[in-house]
C-alpha atoms as a PDB file:
ATOM      1  CA  MET A   1     217.393  -1.282 100.170  1.00  0.00           C
ATOM      2  CA  GLY A   2     215.098   0.840 102.216  1.00  0.00           C
ATOM      3  CA  PRO A   3     216.747   3.406 104.524  1.00  0.00           C
ATOM      4  CA  ALA A   4     216.343   1.400 107.748  1.00  0.00           C
ATOM      5  CA  LEU A   5     217.697  -1.800 106.174  1.00  0.00           C
ATOM      6  CA  LEU A   6     220.599   0.081 104.583  1.00  0.00           C
ATOM      7  CA  THR A   7     221.538   1.632 107.942  1.00  0.00           C
ATOM      8  CA  ALA A   8     221.353  -1.767 109.681  1.00  0.00           C
ATOM      9  CA  CYS A   9     223.550  -3.369 106.999  1.00  0.00           C
ATOM     10  CA  GLN A  10     226.093  -0.559 107.187  1.00  0.00           C
ATOM     11  CA  GLN A  11     226.281  -0.914 110.983  1.00  0.00           C
ATOM     12  CA  GLN A  12     226.797  -4.686 110.742  1.00  0.00           C
ATOM     13  CA  LEU A  13     228.976  -4.743 107.615  1.00  0.00           C
ATOM     14  CA  SER A  14     232.261  -5.738 109.261  1.00  0.00           C
ATOM     15  CA  GLY A  15     230.674  -8.683 111.075  1.00  0.00           C
ATOM     16  CA  MET A  16     228.714  -9.789 108.014  1.00  0.00           C
ATOM     17  CA  ALA A  17     231.784  -9.628 105.778  1.00  0.00           C
ATOM     18  CA  THR A  18     233.751 -11.829 108.179  1.00  0.00           C
ATOM     19  CA  MET A  19     230.906 -14.352 108.441  1.00  0.00           C
ATOM     20  CA  LEU A  20     230.344 -14.500 104.691  1.00  0.00           C
ATOM     21  CA  ALA A  21     234.066 -14.907 103.976  1.00  0.00           C
ATOM     22  CA  GLN A  22     234.191 -17.887 106.352  1.00  0.00           C
ATOM     23  CA  LEU A  23     231.300 -19.576 104.526  1.00  0.00           C
ATOM     24  CA  GLY A  24     233.194 -19.683 101.253  1.00  0.00           C
ATOM     25  CA  PRO A  25     231.709 -19.366  97.769  1.00  0.00           C
ATOM     26  CA  ILE A  26     227.997 -19.735  97.122  1.00  0.00           C
ATOM     27  CA  ARG A  27     227.337 -23.073  95.392  1.00  0.00           C
ATOM     28  CA  SER A  28     223.577 -22.719  94.829  1.00  0.00           C
ATOM     29  CA  VAL A  29     220.536 -20.591  95.642  1.00  0.00           C
ATOM     30  CA  THR A  30     217.076 -22.172  95.662  1.00  0.00           C
ATOM     31  CA  LEU A  31     213.749 -20.419  96.212  1.00  0.00           C
ATOM     32  CA  SER A  32     211.981 -22.407  98.924  1.00  0.00           C
ATOM     33  CA  ALA A  33     208.964 -20.216  99.765  1.00  0.00           C
ATOM     34  CA  SER A  34     207.134 -17.113  98.644  1.00  0.00           C
ATOM     35  CA  GLN A  35     204.422 -15.459 100.702  1.00  0.00           C
ATOM     36  CA  GLN A  36     202.360 -12.323 100.293  1.00  0.00           C
ATOM     37  CA  THR A  37     202.195 -10.411 103.604  1.00  0.00           C
ATOM     38  CA  PRO A  38     200.950  -6.975 104.710  1.00  0.00           C
ATOM     39  CA  GLN A  39     204.602  -5.862 104.334  1.00  0.00           C
ATOM     40  CA  GLY A  40     204.674  -7.109 100.723  1.00  0.00           C
ATOM     41  CA  LEU A  41     206.086 -10.226  99.124  1.00  0.00           C
ATOM     42  CA  ILE A  42     208.509 -12.172 101.334  1.00  0.00           C
ATOM     43  CA  GLU A  43     210.756 -14.786  99.686  1.00  0.00           C
ATOM     44  CA  THR A  44     212.794 -17.465 101.418  1.00  0.00           C
ATOM     45  CA  TYR A  45     215.870 -18.974  99.784  1.00  0.00           C
ATOM     46  CA  LYS A  46     218.171 -21.859 100.699  1.00  0.00           C
ATOM     47  CA  VAL A  47     221.721 -20.672 100.076  1.00  0.00           C
ATOM     48  CA  GLN A  48     224.347 -23.425  99.896  1.00  0.00           C
ATOM     49  CA  TYR A  49     227.896 -22.316 100.647  1.00  0.00           C
ATOM     50  CA  ASP A  50     231.020 -24.459 100.676  1.00  0.00           C
ATOM     51  CA  SER A  51     230.820 -25.008 104.408  1.00  0.00           C
ATOM     52  CA  ARG A  52     227.076 -24.987 105.186  1.00  0.00           C
ATOM     53  CA  GLN A  53     223.572 -23.977 104.158  1.00  0.00           C
ATOM     54  CA  LEU A  54     221.787 -20.848 105.348  1.00  0.00           C
ATOM     55  CA  THR A  55     218.241 -19.635 104.879  1.00  0.00           C
ATOM     56  CA  ALA A  56     217.947 -16.104 103.497  1.00  0.00           C
ATOM     57  CA  VAL A  57     214.711 -14.145 103.788  1.00  0.00           C
ATOM     58  CA  ILE A  58     214.201 -11.020 101.689  1.00  0.00           C
ATOM     59  CA  GLY A  59     211.196  -8.899 100.876  1.00  0.00           C
ATOM     60  CA  GLY A  60     208.933  -6.135 102.018  1.00  0.00           C
ATOM     61  CA  MET A  61     209.605  -4.122  98.885  1.00  0.00           C
ATOM     62  CA  ARG A  62     208.423  -0.520  99.045  1.00  0.00           C
ATOM     63  CA  ASP A  63     209.196   2.069  96.413  1.00  0.00           C
ATOM     64  CA  GLY A  64     211.476  -0.466  94.699  1.00  0.00           C
ATOM     65  CA  LYS A  65     213.586  -1.065  97.826  1.00  0.00           C
ATOM     66  CA  PHE A  66     213.675  -4.057 100.188  1.00  0.00           C
ATOM     67  CA  ASP A  67     212.868  -3.493 103.867  1.00  0.00           C
ATOM     68  CA  ILE A  68     213.538  -7.059 105.082  1.00  0.00           C
ATOM     69  CA  LEU A  69     216.713  -9.139 104.846  1.00  0.00           C
ATOM     70  CA  TYR A  70     218.005 -11.713 107.286  1.00  0.00           C
ATOM     71  CA  PHE A  71     219.809 -15.026 107.437  1.00  0.00           C
ATOM     72  CA  GLN A  72     219.076 -18.042 109.617  1.00  0.00           C
END
């Protein structure tokens, strides 16, 4: 992770851990889109948990570290 993303994750870790625990185990991960942008490659995944499906977006790799990560 890039420094800004790492800091954001560390600041939100307790809330993310609670949310992820409530979703249950991951059942599947499917790549649904891939797009080249000025920030680099951005990939969108459908992540199926026990209780629901979320969309995860990751990308913007610079110097081998991701700058973008979010869930919808």
